[in-house]
Amino acid sequence: MSYCNYIPTMKEPSRSLHQNYHDNHYGFPIHDDNELFGRLILEINQAGLSWETILKKEESFRKAYDAFNIEKVATYTEKDRERLMSDAGIIRNKLKINAAIENAKTIIELQKQHGSFEKWIEMNHPKSKEDWVKIFKKTFKFTGGEIVNEFLMSIGCLKGAHAENCPVHQQILKTKPMWLKQ
């Protein structure tokens, strides 16, 4: 059963939470590097947990990680790591916190080389899921196959975010830049 068909079977308040993400975020292209970074942080933190847990904590993540500001997160110190480890509003996992900080530094380098994180993704598109996983594992921390797959589906780079008969799928197709339509 696809995400699109699964949501109507959920009970409230889960249903509304997932419906909002499905209708307004999942599979839509993101053109802001900070938001792309934020989605990567959320996907990394979802590993081993339910997506609902992450959706409930999204605003806390946004606050804890300075609105996903790449420049700020890249300069986090040991004191910031300790702050994040004690923040009950987010997932307090040292490996995931370290990955966010190191990945911010990596994205800054990609921005210097390619103009933006989005342009780096565009430069590598299209690729198979397997090829994307290799690139992400080589480039970023804490990015296994499922994390990479979900991240790329969630930003419209890989197919599968929505059933083809889902009205949101048709809406997304209209908003995709040409490079994502390949």
N, C-alpha and C. Protein backbone atom coordinates (compact mmCIF):
# COMPACT_ATOMS: atom_id res chain seq x y z
N MET A 1 0.84 -1.18 0.00
CA MET A 1 0.00 0.00 0.00
C MET A 1 0.89 1.24 0.00
N SER A 2 0.61 2.16 -0.91
CA SER A 2 1.42 3.38 -0.98
C SER A 2 1.04 4.35 0.13
N TYR A 3 1.93 5.29 0.38
CA TYR A 3 1.71 6.34 1.38
C TYR A 3 0.39 7.04 1.08
N CYS A 4 0.12 7.27 -0.19
CA CYS A 4 -1.09 7.98 -0.61
C CYS A 4 -2.35 7.24 -0.15
N ASN A 5 -2.33 5.92 -0.26
CA ASN A 5 -3.49 5.11 0.10
C ASN A 5 -3.54 4.77 1.58
N TYR A 6 -2.41 4.85 2.23
CA TYR A 6 -2.31 4.49 3.65
C TYR A 6 -2.86 5.58 4.56
N ILE A 7 -2.69 6.82 4.20
CA ILE A 7 -3.10 7.94 5.06
C ILE A 7 -4.59 7.90 5.42
N PRO A 8 -5.50 7.64 4.46
CA PRO A 8 -6.91 7.62 4.83
C PRO A 8 -7.26 6.55 5.89
N THR A 9 -6.43 5.55 6.04
CA THR A 9 -6.70 4.50 7.03
C THR A 9 -6.22 4.87 8.43
N MET A 10 -5.48 5.97 8.54
CA MET A 10 -4.95 6.39 9.84
C MET A 10 -6.02 7.05 10.69
N LYS A 11 -5.80 6.99 11.98
CA LYS A 11 -6.68 7.68 12.92
C LYS A 11 -6.08 9.05 13.24
N GLU A 12 -6.93 9.97 13.65
CA GLU A 12 -6.47 11.30 14.08
C GLU A 12 -5.76 11.19 15.43
N PRO A 13 -4.78 12.00 15.73
CA PRO A 13 -4.28 13.14 14.96
C PRO A 13 -3.21 12.75 13.93
N SER A 14 -2.83 11.47 13.89
CA SER A 14 -1.80 11.03 12.95
C SER A 14 -2.18 11.34 11.51
N ARG A 15 -3.44 11.12 11.20
CA ARG A 15 -3.88 11.31 9.82
C ARG A 15 -3.63 12.75 9.34
N SER A 16 -4.01 13.74 10.12
CA SER A 16 -3.82 15.14 9.71
C SER A 16 -2.34 15.49 9.56
N LEU A 17 -1.53 14.98 10.46
CA LEU A 17 -0.09 15.23 10.42
C LEU A 17 0.52 14.69 9.13
N HIS A 18 0.20 13.44 8.82
CA HIS A 18 0.73 12.81 7.60
C HIS A 18 0.11 13.43 6.34
N GLN A 19 -1.18 13.77 6.40
CA GLN A 19 -1.86 14.34 5.24
C GLN A 19 -1.22 15.67 4.84
N ASN A 20 -0.92 16.50 5.83
CA ASN A 20 -0.27 17.78 5.54
C ASN A 20 1.08 17.56 4.86
N TYR A 21 1.88 16.64 5.38
CA TYR A 21 3.18 16.38 4.77
C TYR A 21 3.00 15.84 3.34
N HIS A 22 2.09 14.89 3.18
CA HIS A 22 1.81 14.29 1.88
C HIS A 22 1.36 15.34 0.86
N ASP A 23 0.42 16.19 1.26
CA ASP A 23 -0.19 17.13 0.32
C ASP A 23 0.67 18.35 0.01
N ASN A 24 1.57 18.72 0.91
CA ASN A 24 2.28 19.99 0.76
C ASN A 24 3.80 19.91 0.72
N HIS A 25 4.36 18.75 1.01
CA HIS A 25 5.82 18.68 1.10
C HIS A 25 6.44 17.47 0.38
N TYR A 26 5.88 16.30 0.58
CA TYR A 26 6.49 15.06 0.11
C TYR A 26 6.52 14.99 -1.42
N GLY A 27 7.72 14.94 -1.97
CA GLY A 27 7.90 14.82 -3.41
C GLY A 27 8.01 16.15 -4.13
N PHE A 28 7.75 17.26 -3.44
CA PHE A 28 7.87 18.57 -4.06
C PHE A 28 9.33 19.00 -4.11
N PRO A 29 9.78 19.53 -5.24
CA PRO A 29 11.16 20.03 -5.32
C PRO A 29 11.41 21.13 -4.29
N ILE A 30 12.61 21.14 -3.74
CA ILE A 30 13.03 22.18 -2.80
C ILE A 30 14.18 22.94 -3.45
N HIS A 31 14.07 24.24 -3.49
CA HIS A 31 15.07 25.07 -4.16
C HIS A 31 15.93 25.87 -3.20
N ASP A 32 15.70 25.75 -1.93
CA ASP A 32 16.45 26.46 -0.91
C ASP A 32 17.42 25.49 -0.24
N ASP A 33 18.70 25.80 -0.29
CA ASP A 33 19.71 24.88 0.26
C ASP A 33 19.50 24.60 1.75
N ASN A 34 19.09 25.61 2.51
CA ASN A 34 18.86 25.37 3.94
C ASN A 34 17.72 24.38 4.15
N GLU A 35 16.68 24.49 3.34
CA GLU A 35 15.56 23.55 3.46
C GLU A 35 15.95 22.15 2.97
N LEU A 36 16.78 22.08 1.93
CA LEU A 36 17.30 20.78 1.51
C LEU A 36 18.11 20.13 2.64
N PHE A 37 18.95 20.92 3.27
CA PHE A 37 19.74 20.45 4.40
C PHE A 37 18.82 20.00 5.54
N GLY A 38 17.79 20.79 5.80
CA GLY A 38 16.83 20.42 6.84
C GLY A 38 16.16 19.09 6.54
N ARG A 39 15.77 18.88 5.30
CA ARG A 39 15.13 17.60 4.93
C ARG A 39 16.12 16.45 5.11
N LEU A 40 17.39 16.68 4.78
CA LEU A 40 18.40 15.65 4.99
C LEU A 40 18.55 15.34 6.48
N ILE A 41 18.57 16.37 7.32
CA ILE A 41 18.64 16.15 8.77
C ILE A 41 17.45 15.32 9.24
N LEU A 42 16.26 15.66 8.78
CA LEU A 42 15.07 14.92 9.20
C LEU A 42 15.13 13.46 8.74
N GLU A 43 15.55 13.24 7.51
CA GLU A 43 15.63 11.86 7.00
C GLU A 43 16.68 11.05 7.76
N ILE A 44 17.81 11.67 8.07
CA ILE A 44 18.84 10.97 8.85
C ILE A 44 18.31 10.63 10.23
N ASN A 45 17.59 11.54 10.83
CA ASN A 45 17.08 11.29 12.17
C ASN A 45 15.93 10.29 12.20
N GLN A 46 15.29 10.08 11.07
CA GLN A 46 14.20 9.10 11.01
C GLN A 46 14.72 7.67 11.09
N ALA A 47 15.97 7.44 10.74
CA ALA A 47 16.52 6.09 10.72
C ALA A 47 16.24 5.38 12.05
N GLY A 48 15.55 4.25 11.96
CA GLY A 48 15.23 3.46 13.13
C GLY A 48 13.98 3.91 13.87
N LEU A 49 13.34 4.95 13.39
CA LEU A 49 12.15 5.50 14.04
C LEU A 49 11.02 5.65 13.01
N SER A 50 9.85 6.00 13.48
CA SER A 50 8.73 6.23 12.57
C SER A 50 8.82 7.65 12.00
N TRP A 51 8.29 7.83 10.80
CA TRP A 51 8.25 9.15 10.21
C TRP A 51 7.36 10.07 11.03
N GLU A 52 6.35 9.51 11.65
CA GLU A 52 5.46 10.31 12.50
C GLU A 52 6.22 10.96 13.65
N THR A 53 7.15 10.22 14.23
CA THR A 53 7.97 10.78 15.31
C THR A 53 8.70 12.02 14.81
N ILE A 54 9.25 11.94 13.61
CA ILE A 54 10.00 13.07 13.04
C ILE A 54 9.06 14.23 12.72
N LEU A 55 7.90 13.93 12.14
CA LEU A 55 6.95 15.00 11.82
C LEU A 55 6.53 15.75 13.09
N LYS A 56 6.33 15.03 14.17
CA LYS A 56 5.94 15.67 15.44
C LYS A 56 7.05 16.55 15.99
N LYS A 57 8.30 16.20 15.69
CA LYS A 57 9.44 16.94 16.22
C LYS A 57 10.04 17.94 15.24
N GLU A 58 9.44 18.07 14.07
CA GLU A 58 10.04 18.91 13.03
C GLU A 58 10.31 20.34 13.50
N GLU A 59 9.37 20.97 14.15
CA GLU A 59 9.58 22.35 14.61
C GLU A 59 10.68 22.42 15.66
N SER A 60 10.78 21.41 16.49
CA SER A 60 11.87 21.37 17.49
C SER A 60 13.22 21.22 16.80
N PHE A 61 13.28 20.41 15.75
CA PHE A 61 14.51 20.29 14.97
C PHE A 61 14.88 21.63 14.35
N ARG A 62 13.89 22.29 13.78
CA ARG A 62 14.12 23.58 13.13
C ARG A 62 14.69 24.59 14.13
N LYS A 63 14.13 24.60 15.33
CA LYS A 63 14.61 25.52 16.37
C LYS A 63 16.00 25.12 16.85
N ALA A 64 16.21 23.84 17.11
CA ALA A 64 17.49 23.36 17.65
C ALA A 64 18.64 23.57 16.67
N TYR A 65 18.36 23.45 15.38
CA TYR A 65 19.39 23.59 14.35
C TYR A 65 19.30 24.94 13.63
N ASP A 66 18.97 26.00 14.36
CA ASP A 66 18.98 27.37 13.82
C ASP A 66 18.29 27.47 12.47
N ALA A 67 17.05 26.98 12.40
CA ALA A 67 16.25 27.03 11.17
C ALA A 67 16.97 26.36 9.99
N PHE A 68 17.78 25.35 10.31
CA PHE A 68 18.55 24.58 9.31
C PHE A 68 19.52 25.47 8.53
N ASN A 69 20.00 26.51 9.17
CA ASN A 69 20.95 27.42 8.54
C ASN A 69 22.30 26.70 8.43
N ILE A 70 22.67 26.37 7.22
CA ILE A 70 23.88 25.58 6.96
C ILE A 70 25.11 26.26 7.54
N GLU A 71 25.24 27.56 7.29
CA GLU A 71 26.41 28.31 7.78
C GLU A 71 26.54 28.23 9.29
N LYS A 72 25.44 28.38 10.00
CA LYS A 72 25.48 28.34 11.46
C LYS A 72 25.79 26.94 11.96
N VAL A 73 25.11 25.93 11.41
CA VAL A 73 25.31 24.55 11.87
C VAL A 73 26.75 24.11 11.62
N ALA A 74 27.33 24.53 10.53
CA ALA A 74 28.71 24.15 10.21
C ALA A 74 29.70 24.67 11.24
N THR A 75 29.33 25.71 11.98
CA THR A 75 30.24 26.28 12.98
C THR A 75 29.94 25.79 14.40
N TYR A 76 29.04 24.85 14.54
CA TYR A 76 28.70 24.35 15.87
C TYR A 76 29.94 23.80 16.57
N THR A 77 30.00 24.08 17.85
CA THR A 77 31.12 23.66 18.70
C THR A 77 30.69 22.50 19.58
N GLU A 78 31.60 22.08 20.42
CA GLU A 78 31.29 21.01 21.38
C GLU A 78 30.14 21.43 22.29
N LYS A 79 30.08 22.70 22.62
CA LYS A 79 28.99 23.21 23.46
C LYS A 79 27.64 23.03 22.75
N ASP A 80 27.61 23.27 21.44
CA ASP A 80 26.38 23.06 20.66
C ASP A 80 26.01 21.58 20.61
N ARG A 81 27.00 20.73 20.47
CA ARG A 81 26.73 19.28 20.47
C ARG A 81 26.10 18.87 21.80
N GLU A 82 26.64 19.40 22.90
CA GLU A 82 26.08 19.10 24.22
C GLU A 82 24.66 19.63 24.34
N ARG A 83 24.42 20.84 23.82
CA ARG A 83 23.08 21.42 23.84
C ARG A 83 22.10 20.52 23.09
N LEU A 84 22.49 20.06 21.92
CA LEU A 84 21.64 19.19 21.12
C LEU A 84 21.40 17.84 21.81
N MET A 85 22.44 17.31 22.44
CA MET A 85 22.29 16.03 23.16
C MET A 85 21.34 16.13 24.34
N SER A 86 21.15 17.33 24.87
CA SER A 86 20.25 17.49 26.02
C SER A 86 18.87 18.02 25.62
N ASP A 87 18.63 18.21 24.33
CA ASP A 87 17.36 18.76 23.84
C ASP A 87 16.35 17.62 23.63
N ALA A 88 15.39 17.51 24.52
CA ALA A 88 14.38 16.45 24.44
C ALA A 88 13.44 16.61 23.25
N GLY A 89 13.46 17.78 22.61
CA GLY A 89 12.58 18.02 21.47
C GLY A 89 13.05 17.38 20.18
N ILE A 90 14.30 16.92 20.15
CA ILE A 90 14.86 16.29 18.95
C ILE A 90 15.29 14.87 19.29
N ILE A 91 15.86 14.19 18.31
CA ILE A 91 16.43 12.87 18.53
C ILE A 91 17.84 13.08 19.07
N ARG A 92 18.09 12.58 20.26
CA ARG A 92 19.38 12.81 20.91
C ARG A 92 20.30 11.62 20.65
N ASN A 93 20.84 11.61 19.47
CA ASN A 93 21.74 10.55 19.03
C ASN A 93 23.03 11.23 18.57
N LYS A 94 24.12 10.90 19.25
CA LYS A 94 25.40 11.56 18.96
C LYS A 94 25.83 11.41 17.51
N LEU A 95 25.65 10.22 16.94
CA LEU A 95 26.05 10.00 15.54
C LEU A 95 25.23 10.86 14.58
N LYS A 96 23.94 11.00 14.86
CA LYS A 96 23.08 11.80 13.99
C LYS A 96 23.37 13.29 14.15
N ILE A 97 23.64 13.72 15.36
CA ILE A 97 24.00 15.12 15.60
C ILE A 97 25.33 15.45 14.92
N ASN A 98 26.30 14.58 15.09
CA ASN A 98 27.60 14.79 14.43
C ASN A 98 27.45 14.80 12.92
N ALA A 99 26.59 13.93 12.40
CA ALA A 99 26.37 13.88 10.95
C ALA A 99 25.80 15.21 10.45
N ALA A 100 24.86 15.79 11.19
CA ALA A 100 24.27 17.07 10.77
C ALA A 100 25.35 18.14 10.67
N ILE A 101 26.21 18.20 11.66
CA ILE A 101 27.26 19.23 11.68
C ILE A 101 28.27 18.99 10.56
N GLU A 102 28.72 17.78 10.41
CA GLU A 102 29.70 17.47 9.36
C GLU A 102 29.08 17.62 7.97
N ASN A 103 27.82 17.25 7.83
CA ASN A 103 27.16 17.39 6.53
C ASN A 103 26.97 18.86 6.16
N ALA A 104 26.76 19.72 7.16
CA ALA A 104 26.68 21.17 6.89
C ALA A 104 28.01 21.65 6.31
N LYS A 105 29.11 21.20 6.89
CA LYS A 105 30.44 21.58 6.38
C LYS A 105 30.62 21.09 4.95
N THR A 106 30.17 19.88 4.68
CA THR A 106 30.27 19.31 3.33
C THR A 106 29.44 20.11 2.34
N ILE A 107 28.24 20.49 2.74
CA ILE A 107 27.38 21.27 1.84
C ILE A 107 28.01 22.61 1.52
N ILE A 108 28.65 23.23 2.48
CA ILE A 108 29.35 24.50 2.21
C ILE A 108 30.41 24.30 1.12
N GLU A 109 31.14 23.21 1.20
CA GLU A 109 32.13 22.91 0.16
C GLU A 109 31.46 22.67 -1.19
N LEU A 110 30.34 21.95 -1.20
CA LEU A 110 29.61 21.72 -2.45
C LEU A 110 29.09 23.04 -3.02
N GLN A 111 28.65 23.95 -2.15
CA GLN A 111 28.20 25.26 -2.61
C GLN A 111 29.34 26.04 -3.25
N LYS A 112 30.52 25.95 -2.65
CA LYS A 112 31.68 26.64 -3.23
C LYS A 112 32.03 26.07 -4.60
N GLN A 113 31.95 24.76 -4.74
CA GLN A 113 32.34 24.11 -5.98
C GLN A 113 31.28 24.20 -7.08
N HIS A 114 30.00 24.16 -6.67
CA HIS A 114 28.93 24.04 -7.66
C HIS A 114 27.90 25.16 -7.63
N GLY A 115 28.03 26.08 -6.70
CA GLY A 115 27.09 27.19 -6.61
C GLY A 115 25.99 26.98 -5.59
N SER A 116 25.56 25.75 -5.41
CA SER A 116 24.54 25.43 -4.41
C SER A 116 24.47 23.92 -4.22
N PHE A 117 23.85 23.52 -3.11
CA PHE A 117 23.58 22.10 -2.86
C PHE A 117 22.62 21.59 -3.92
N GLU A 118 21.61 22.39 -4.25
CA GLU A 118 20.65 21.99 -5.28
C GLU A 118 21.35 21.76 -6.62
N LYS A 119 22.29 22.64 -6.98
CA LYS A 119 23.00 22.46 -8.26
C LYS A 119 23.86 21.21 -8.26
N TRP A 120 24.42 20.86 -7.10
CA TRP A 120 25.19 19.62 -6.99
C TRP A 120 24.26 18.43 -7.25
N ILE A 121 23.07 18.47 -6.68
CA ILE A 121 22.09 17.39 -6.92
C ILE A 121 21.73 17.37 -8.40
N GLU A 122 21.45 18.55 -8.95
CA GLU A 122 21.09 18.65 -10.37
C GLU A 122 22.21 18.10 -11.27
N MET A 123 23.44 18.42 -10.94
CA MET A 123 24.59 17.97 -11.72
C MET A 123 24.67 16.44 -11.76
N ASN A 124 24.24 15.80 -10.68
CA ASN A 124 24.31 14.34 -10.60
C ASN A 124 23.05 13.64 -11.10
N HIS A 125 22.03 14.39 -11.43
CA HIS A 125 20.75 13.83 -11.87
C HIS A 125 20.76 13.59 -13.37
N PRO A 126 20.14 12.55 -13.88
CA PRO A 126 19.49 11.46 -13.18
C PRO A 126 20.46 10.32 -12.89
N LYS A 127 20.18 9.61 -11.83
CA LYS A 127 20.95 8.42 -11.46
C LYS A 127 19.99 7.40 -10.89
N SER A 128 20.44 6.17 -10.88
CA SER A 128 19.65 5.13 -10.23
C SER A 128 19.79 5.29 -8.72
N LYS A 129 18.89 4.69 -7.99
CA LYS A 129 18.97 4.74 -6.53
C LYS A 129 20.34 4.24 -6.07
N GLU A 130 20.80 3.16 -6.64
CA GLU A 130 22.08 2.57 -6.24
C GLU A 130 23.24 3.54 -6.46
N ASP A 131 23.23 4.23 -7.58
CA ASP A 131 24.30 5.20 -7.86
C ASP A 131 24.22 6.40 -6.91
N TRP A 132 22.99 6.84 -6.62
CA TRP A 132 22.83 7.94 -5.66
C TRP A 132 23.37 7.53 -4.30
N VAL A 133 23.06 6.31 -3.87
CA VAL A 133 23.53 5.85 -2.56
C VAL A 133 25.06 5.88 -2.51
N LYS A 134 25.71 5.42 -3.56
CA LYS A 134 27.18 5.45 -3.61
C LYS A 134 27.71 6.87 -3.47
N ILE A 135 27.11 7.80 -4.21
CA ILE A 135 27.56 9.19 -4.16
C ILE A 135 27.34 9.79 -2.77
N PHE A 136 26.16 9.55 -2.21
CA PHE A 136 25.87 10.11 -0.89
C PHE A 136 26.77 9.51 0.19
N LYS A 137 26.99 8.20 0.13
CA LYS A 137 27.86 7.56 1.14
C LYS A 137 29.28 8.10 1.04
N LYS A 138 29.71 8.39 -0.16
CA LYS A 138 31.06 8.93 -0.38
C LYS A 138 31.15 10.39 0.08
N THR A 139 30.04 11.12 0.00
CA THR A 139 30.04 12.56 0.23
C THR A 139 29.60 12.95 1.65
N PHE A 140 28.61 12.25 2.19
CA PHE A 140 27.99 12.65 3.46
C PHE A 140 28.13 11.58 4.53
N LYS A 141 27.86 11.99 5.77
CA LYS A 141 27.86 11.09 6.92
C LYS A 141 26.45 10.57 7.16
N PHE A 142 26.35 9.33 7.64
CA PHE A 142 25.10 8.72 8.08
C PHE A 142 24.05 8.70 6.97
N THR A 143 24.45 8.28 5.78
CA THR A 143 23.51 8.25 4.65
C THR A 143 23.50 6.87 4.02
N GLY A 144 22.72 5.97 4.60
CA GLY A 144 22.55 4.65 4.04
C GLY A 144 21.49 4.65 2.95
N GLY A 145 21.25 3.48 2.40
CA GLY A 145 20.33 3.34 1.27
C GLY A 145 18.94 3.87 1.50
N GLU A 146 18.33 3.56 2.62
CA GLU A 146 16.96 4.00 2.87
C GLU A 146 16.90 5.51 3.10
N ILE A 147 17.89 6.06 3.79
CA ILE A 147 17.93 7.50 4.03
C ILE A 147 18.06 8.25 2.70
N VAL A 148 18.97 7.81 1.86
CA VAL A 148 19.19 8.45 0.56
C VAL A 148 17.93 8.32 -0.30
N ASN A 149 17.34 7.14 -0.34
CA ASN A 149 16.13 6.91 -1.13
C ASN A 149 15.01 7.85 -0.68
N GLU A 150 14.75 7.89 0.61
CA GLU A 150 13.67 8.73 1.12
C GLU A 150 13.96 10.22 0.91
N PHE A 151 15.20 10.62 1.15
CA PHE A 151 15.56 12.02 0.93
C PHE A 151 15.29 12.41 -0.52
N LEU A 152 15.78 11.62 -1.47
CA LEU A 152 15.63 11.95 -2.88
C LEU A 152 14.19 11.85 -3.36
N MET A 153 13.43 10.88 -2.85
CA MET A 153 12.00 10.83 -3.19
C MET A 153 11.29 12.05 -2.63
N SER A 154 11.66 12.43 -1.41
CA SER A 154 10.96 13.53 -0.74
C SER A 154 11.20 14.88 -1.41
N ILE A 155 12.27 15.00 -2.21
CA ILE A 155 12.54 16.27 -2.91
C ILE A 155 12.31 16.14 -4.42
N GLY A 156 11.70 15.03 -4.83
CA GLY A 156 11.31 14.86 -6.22
C GLY A 156 12.36 14.33 -7.16
N CYS A 157 13.50 13.87 -6.65
CA CYS A 157 14.58 13.37 -7.53
C CYS A 157 14.42 11.90 -7.91
N LEU A 158 13.75 11.15 -7.08
CA LEU A 158 13.48 9.75 -7.39
C LEU A 158 11.98 9.54 -7.39
N LYS A 159 11.53 8.69 -8.28
CA LYS A 159 10.10 8.38 -8.36
C LYS A 159 9.68 7.55 -7.15
N GLY A 160 8.38 7.61 -6.87
CA GLY A 160 7.84 6.75 -5.83
C GLY A 160 7.23 7.48 -4.65
N ALA A 161 7.34 8.80 -4.62
CA ALA A 161 6.76 9.53 -3.48
C ALA A 161 5.24 9.40 -3.46
N HIS A 162 4.63 9.36 -4.64
CA HIS A 162 3.17 9.29 -4.73
C HIS A 162 2.76 8.27 -5.78
N ALA A 163 1.59 7.68 -5.58
CA ALA A 163 1.00 6.83 -6.61
C ALA A 163 0.70 7.71 -7.83
N GLU A 164 0.81 7.15 -9.01
CA GLU A 164 0.61 7.96 -10.21
C GLU A 164 -0.80 8.53 -10.32
N ASN A 165 -1.78 7.88 -9.69
CA ASN A 165 -3.15 8.38 -9.74
C ASN A 165 -3.47 9.36 -8.60
N CYS A 166 -2.47 9.67 -7.80
CA CYS A 166 -2.66 10.61 -6.70
C CYS A 166 -2.72 12.03 -7.26
N PRO A 167 -3.71 12.83 -6.88
CA PRO A 167 -3.80 14.21 -7.38
C PRO A 167 -2.56 15.05 -7.04
N VAL A 168 -1.92 14.76 -5.91
CA VAL A 168 -0.71 15.50 -5.53
C VAL A 168 0.41 15.20 -6.52
N HIS A 169 0.47 13.96 -6.99
CA HIS A 169 1.49 13.58 -7.98
C HIS A 169 1.37 14.47 -9.22
N GLN A 170 0.16 14.69 -9.69
CA GLN A 170 -0.06 15.54 -10.86
C GLN A 170 0.35 16.99 -10.58
N GLN A 171 0.06 17.45 -9.38
CA GLN A 171 0.44 18.81 -8.97
C GLN A 171 1.97 18.96 -8.95
N ILE A 172 2.66 17.95 -8.44
CA ILE A 172 4.12 17.97 -8.38
C ILE A 172 4.72 18.01 -9.79
N LEU A 173 4.17 17.23 -10.70
CA LEU A 173 4.68 17.21 -12.07
C LEU A 173 4.66 18.60 -12.69
N LYS A 174 3.67 19.39 -12.34
CA LYS A 174 3.56 20.75 -12.88
C LYS A 174 4.60 21.70 -12.30
N THR A 175 5.11 21.39 -11.10
CA THR A 175 6.05 22.30 -10.43
C THR A 175 7.51 21.91 -10.62
N LYS A 176 7.76 20.72 -11.17
CA LYS A 176 9.14 20.25 -11.29
C LYS A 176 9.91 21.05 -12.33
N PRO A 177 11.13 21.43 -12.00
CA PRO A 177 11.98 22.07 -13.02
C PRO A 177 12.34 21.03 -14.09
N MET A 178 12.72 21.51 -15.23
CA MET A 178 12.98 20.63 -16.38
C MET A 178 14.00 19.53 -16.04
N TRP A 179 15.03 19.85 -15.29
CA TRP A 179 16.06 18.85 -15.00
C TRP A 179 15.52 17.69 -14.20
N LEU A 180 14.44 17.89 -13.42
CA LEU A 180 13.84 16.81 -12.65
C LEU A 180 12.86 15.98 -13.46
N LYS A 181 12.50 16.44 -14.62
CA LYS A 181 11.53 15.71 -15.44
C LYS A 181 12.20 14.64 -16.29
N GLN A 182 13.51 14.56 -16.21
CA GLN A 182 14.25 13.56 -17.00
C GLN A 182 14.04 12.18 -16.44
